[in-house]
C-alpha atoms as a PDB file:
ATOM      1  CA  MET A   1       1.084 -21.087 -17.823  1.00  0.00           C
ATOM      2  CA  PHE A   2       1.160 -17.337 -19.227  1.00  0.00           C
ATOM      3  CA  ARG A   3      -2.413 -16.916 -17.246  1.00  0.00           C
ATOM      4  CA  THR A   4      -0.414 -17.815 -14.049  1.00  0.00           C
ATOM      5  CA  ILE A   5       2.235 -15.559 -14.611  1.00  0.00           C
ATOM      6  CA  ASP A   6      -0.080 -12.831 -15.342  1.00  0.00           C
ATOM      7  CA  ILE A   7      -2.079 -13.270 -11.945  1.00  0.00           C
ATOM      8  CA  ILE A   8       1.249 -13.494 -10.073  1.00  0.00           C
ATOM      9  CA  THR A   9       2.563 -10.236 -11.678  1.00  0.00           C
ATOM     10  CA  SER A  10      -0.478  -8.498 -10.532  1.00  0.00           C
ATOM     11  CA  GLY A  11       0.061  -9.569  -7.268  1.00  0.00           C
ATOM     12  CA  LEU A  12       3.598  -8.344  -7.274  1.00  0.00           C
ATOM     13  CA  VAL A  13       2.305  -4.941  -8.528  1.00  0.00           C
ATOM     14  CA  SER A  14      -0.359  -4.753  -6.065  1.00  0.00           C
ATOM     15  CA  GLN A  15       1.845  -5.516  -3.439  1.00  0.00           C
ATOM     16  CA  ARG A  16       4.524  -2.960  -4.543  1.00  0.00           C
ATOM     17  CA  GLN A  17       2.266  -0.549  -4.462  1.00  0.00           C
ATOM     18  CA  ARG A  18       0.965  -0.996  -1.107  1.00  0.00           C
ATOM     19  CA  LEU A  19       4.386  -0.687  -0.190  1.00  0.00           C
ATOM     20  CA  ASN A  20       4.971   2.519  -1.690  1.00  0.00           C
ATOM     21  CA  THR A  21       1.596   3.601   0.040  1.00  0.00           C
ATOM     22  CA  ILE A  22       2.972   2.831   3.422  1.00  0.00           C
ATOM     23  CA  ALA A  23       6.359   4.685   2.533  1.00  0.00           C
ATOM     24  CA  GLU A  24       4.150   7.522   1.702  1.00  0.00           C
ATOM     25  CA  ASN A  25       2.170   7.664   4.908  1.00  0.00           C
ATOM     26  CA  VAL A  26       5.543   7.684   7.079  1.00  0.00           C
ATOM     27  CA  ALA A  27       7.067  10.304   5.237  1.00  0.00           C
ATOM     28  CA  ASN A  28       4.358  12.317   6.081  1.00  0.00           C
ATOM     29  CA  VAL A  29       3.795  11.515   9.822  1.00  0.00           C
ATOM     30  CA  ASN A  30       4.294  14.989  10.704  1.00  0.00           C
ATOM     31  CA  THR A  31       2.693  16.934   7.696  1.00  0.00           C
ATOM     32  CA  THR A  32       0.297  19.250   8.727  1.00  0.00           C
ATOM     33  CA  ARG A  33      -0.371  21.145   5.366  1.00  0.00           C
ATOM     34  CA  ASP A  34      -1.582  20.275   1.909  1.00  0.00           C
ATOM     35  CA  ALA A  35       0.201  20.559  -1.156  1.00  0.00           C
ATOM     36  CA  GLU A  36      -1.263  23.967  -1.524  1.00  0.00           C
ATOM     37  CA  GLY A  37       0.229  25.293   1.818  1.00  0.00           C
ATOM     38  CA  ASN A  38      -3.084  25.223   3.445  1.00  0.00           C
ATOM     39  CA  ALA A  39      -2.997  23.993   6.892  1.00  0.00           C
ATOM     40  CA  ALA A  40      -4.545  20.697   6.692  1.00  0.00           C
ATOM     41  CA  PRO A  41      -3.170  17.426   7.864  1.00  0.00           C
ATOM     42  CA  PHE A  42      -1.771  14.804   5.219  1.00  0.00           C
ATOM     43  CA  GLN A  43      -4.715  11.860   5.352  1.00  0.00           C
ATOM     44  CA  ARG A  44      -3.465   8.301   5.755  1.00  0.00           C
ATOM     45  CA  ARG A  45      -3.662   6.242   2.589  1.00  0.00           C
ATOM     46  CA  PHE A  46      -4.098   2.759   2.295  1.00  0.00           C
ATOM     47  CA  VAL A  47      -4.544   0.013  -0.704  1.00  0.00           C
ATOM     48  CA  ALA A  48      -7.561  -1.890  -0.891  1.00  0.00           C
ATOM     49  CA  PHE A  49      -7.756  -5.135  -3.248  1.00  0.00           C
ATOM     50  CA  SER A  50     -10.247  -6.732  -5.401  1.00  0.00           C
ATOM     51  CA  ALA A  51     -10.299  -9.501  -7.831  1.00  0.00           C
ATOM     52  CA  GLU A  52      -9.897  -8.948 -11.034  1.00  0.00           C
ATOM     53  CA  LYS A  53     -12.209 -11.097 -13.352  1.00  0.00           C
ATOM     54  CA  SER A  54     -11.672 -11.550 -17.265  1.00  0.00           C
ATOM     55  CA  GLU A  55     -14.559 -14.102 -18.941  1.00  0.00           C
ATOM     56  CA  GLY A  56     -15.829 -14.896 -15.442  1.00  0.00           C
ATOM     57  CA  LYS A  57     -12.685 -16.461 -14.397  1.00  0.00           C
ATOM     58  CA  ALA A  58      -9.982 -15.009 -11.952  1.00  0.00           C
ATOM     59  CA  ALA A  59      -7.555 -13.120 -13.708  1.00  0.00           C
ATOM     60  CA  GLY A  60      -5.457 -11.279 -10.998  1.00  0.00           C
ATOM     61  CA  VAL A  61      -5.730  -8.675  -8.405  1.00  0.00           C
ATOM     62  CA  GLU A  62      -6.924  -4.867  -8.856  1.00  0.00           C
ATOM     63  CA  TYR A  63      -5.908  -2.172  -6.161  1.00  0.00           C
ATOM     64  CA  GLN A  64      -7.133   0.982  -5.413  1.00  0.00           C
ATOM     65  CA  VAL A  65      -5.459   3.760  -3.279  1.00  0.00           C
ATOM     66  CA  GLU A  66      -7.734   5.326  -1.288  1.00  0.00           C
ATOM     67  CA  LYS A  67      -7.631   8.047   1.789  1.00  0.00           C
ATOM     68  CA  ASP A  68      -8.934   7.071   5.056  1.00  0.00           C
ATOM     69  CA  THR A  69     -11.307   9.844   5.773  1.00  0.00           C
ATOM     70  CA  THR A  70     -13.025   8.108   8.703  1.00  0.00           C
ATOM     71  CA  SER A  71     -10.289   8.827  11.305  1.00  0.00           C
ATOM     72  CA  ASP A  72      -9.800  12.025  13.082  1.00  0.00           C
ATOM     73  CA  PRO A  73      -6.579  13.972  13.073  1.00  0.00           C
ATOM     74  CA  ARG A  74      -3.933  13.716  16.120  1.00  0.00           C
ATOM     75  CA  ARG A  75      -4.264  16.905  17.934  1.00  0.00           C
ATOM     76  CA  VAL A  76      -0.967  17.946  19.991  1.00  0.00           C
ATOM     77  CA  TYR A  77      -0.355  21.078  22.163  1.00  0.00           C
ATOM     78  CA  GLU A  78       2.209  23.096  20.371  1.00  0.00           C
ATOM     79  CA  PRO A  79       0.865  26.732  20.921  1.00  0.00           C
ATOM     80  CA  ASN A  80       3.948  28.197  19.319  1.00  0.00           C
ATOM     81  CA  HIS A  81       3.614  25.760  15.981  1.00  0.00           C
ATOM     82  CA  PRO A  82       2.480  28.200  13.110  1.00  0.00           C
ATOM     83  CA  ASP A  83      -0.119  25.790  12.561  1.00  0.00           C
ATOM     84  CA  ALA A  84      -1.792  25.644  16.105  1.00  0.00           C
ATOM     85  CA  ASP A  85      -5.571  26.680  16.307  1.00  0.00           C
ATOM     86  CA  GLY A  86      -7.074  28.992  18.426  1.00  0.00           C
ATOM     87  CA  GLU A  87      -6.527  26.962  21.565  1.00  0.00           C
ATOM     88  CA  GLY A  88      -3.004  25.962  20.613  1.00  0.00           C
ATOM     89  CA  TYR A  89      -3.343  22.367  19.362  1.00  0.00           C
ATOM     90  CA  VAL A  90      -1.712  21.280  15.913  1.00  0.00           C
ATOM     91  CA  SER A  91      -3.515  18.584  13.581  1.00  0.00           C
ATOM     92  CA  TYR A  92      -1.518  15.959  12.709  1.00  0.00           C
ATOM     93  CA  PRO A  93      -2.086  13.053  10.429  1.00  0.00           C
ATOM     94  CA  ASN A  94      -3.614  10.238  12.376  1.00  0.00           C
ATOM     95  CA  ILE A  95      -0.781   7.437  11.238  1.00  0.00           C
ATOM     96  CA  ASN A  96       0.523   4.863  13.753  1.00  0.00           C
ATOM     97  CA  LEU A  97       4.108   4.099  12.873  1.00  0.00           C
ATOM     98  CA  VAL A  98       3.647   0.760  14.406  1.00  0.00           C
ATOM     99  CA  THR A  99       0.640  -0.344  12.331  1.00  0.00           C
ATOM    100  CA  GLU A 100       2.215   1.073   9.026  1.00  0.00           C
ATOM    101  CA  PHE A 101       5.437  -1.201  10.027  1.00  0.00           C
ATOM    102  CA  VAL A 102       3.271  -4.188  10.346  1.00  0.00           C
ATOM    103  CA  ASN A 103       1.664  -3.400   7.558  1.00  0.00           C
ATOM    104  CA  ALA A 104       4.909  -3.303   5.405  1.00  0.00           C
ATOM    105  CA  LEU A 105       6.036  -6.637   6.848  1.00  0.00           C
ATOM    106  CA  GLU A 106       2.732  -8.051   5.724  1.00  0.00           C
ATOM    107  CA  ALA A 107       3.166  -6.509   2.147  1.00  0.00           C
ATOM    108  CA  SER A 108       6.916  -7.678   1.941  1.00  0.00           C
ATOM    109  CA  ARG A 109       5.880 -11.229   2.810  1.00  0.00           C
ATOM    110  CA  ALA A 110       3.044 -11.227   0.289  1.00  0.00           C
ATOM    111  CA  TYR A 111       5.588  -9.633  -2.531  1.00  0.00           C
ATOM    112  CA  GLU A 112       7.983 -12.593  -1.244  1.00  0.00           C
ATOM    113  CA  ALA A 113       5.192 -15.319  -1.634  1.00  0.00           C
ATOM    114  CA  ASN A 114       4.626 -13.880  -5.031  1.00  0.00           C
ATOM    115  CA  VAL A 115       8.265 -14.121  -6.161  1.00  0.00           C
ATOM    116  CA  VAL A 116       8.156 -17.777  -4.857  1.00  0.00           C
ATOM    117  CA  SER A 117       4.985 -18.629  -6.939  1.00  0.00           C
ATOM    118  CA  PHE A 118       6.903 -17.050  -9.967  1.00  0.00           C
ATOM    119  CA  ASN A 119       9.824 -19.142  -9.754  1.00  0.00           C
ATOM    120  CA  THR A 120       7.831 -22.336  -9.141  1.00  0.00           C
ATOM    121  CA  THR A 121       5.678 -21.609 -12.130  1.00  0.00           C
ATOM    122  CA  GLN A 122       8.971 -20.959 -14.174  1.00  0.00           C
ATOM    123  CA  LYS A 123      10.446 -24.273 -13.165  1.00  0.00           C
ATOM    124  CA  ILE A 124       7.440 -25.913 -13.794  1.00  0.00           C
ATOM    125  CA  GLY A 125       7.445 -24.707 -17.586  1.00  0.00           C
ATOM    126  CA  ASP A 126      11.010 -25.513 -17.842  1.00  0.00           C
ATOM    127  CA  MET A 127      10.273 -29.008 -16.675  1.00  0.00           C
ATOM    128  CA  ALA A 128       7.707 -29.418 -19.474  1.00  0.00           C
ATOM    129  CA  LEU A 129       9.783 -28.165 -21.932  1.00  0.00           C
ATOM    130  CA  ARG A 130      12.349 -30.935 -20.747  1.00  0.00           C
ATOM    131  CA  ILE A 131       9.829 -33.514 -20.953  1.00  0.00           C
ATOM    132  CA  LEU A 132       8.654 -32.603 -24.392  1.00  0.00           C
ATOM    133  CA  ALA A 133      12.249 -32.048 -26.048  1.00  0.00           C
END
């Protein structure tokens, strides 16, 4: 039973990290500079999941936050912007708010499913203790 709770907990933590990453993307949708102040658009982040293994058996979910380096920045013609290039275009992060919203809904549903699994596991444990008592 404790192994099940550990697996569910890893799922909860992974989905929470996914939601945090999505929130970071949305917050930086118009960010045109990096942390050092250089003109470089924010790169969208995403969470990659994999199965955590222990002694050859499934032991939960592992995650890795990665940067999307494959998509080009969104270029917008704004010649008066301080970060505009020689042609007057500003490079913005290639973040689609609709996609981020759908991903947030999906992560939220997965988080809720893990909570339901946790509650069910807890009820099964309670019933087992009542049977043994």
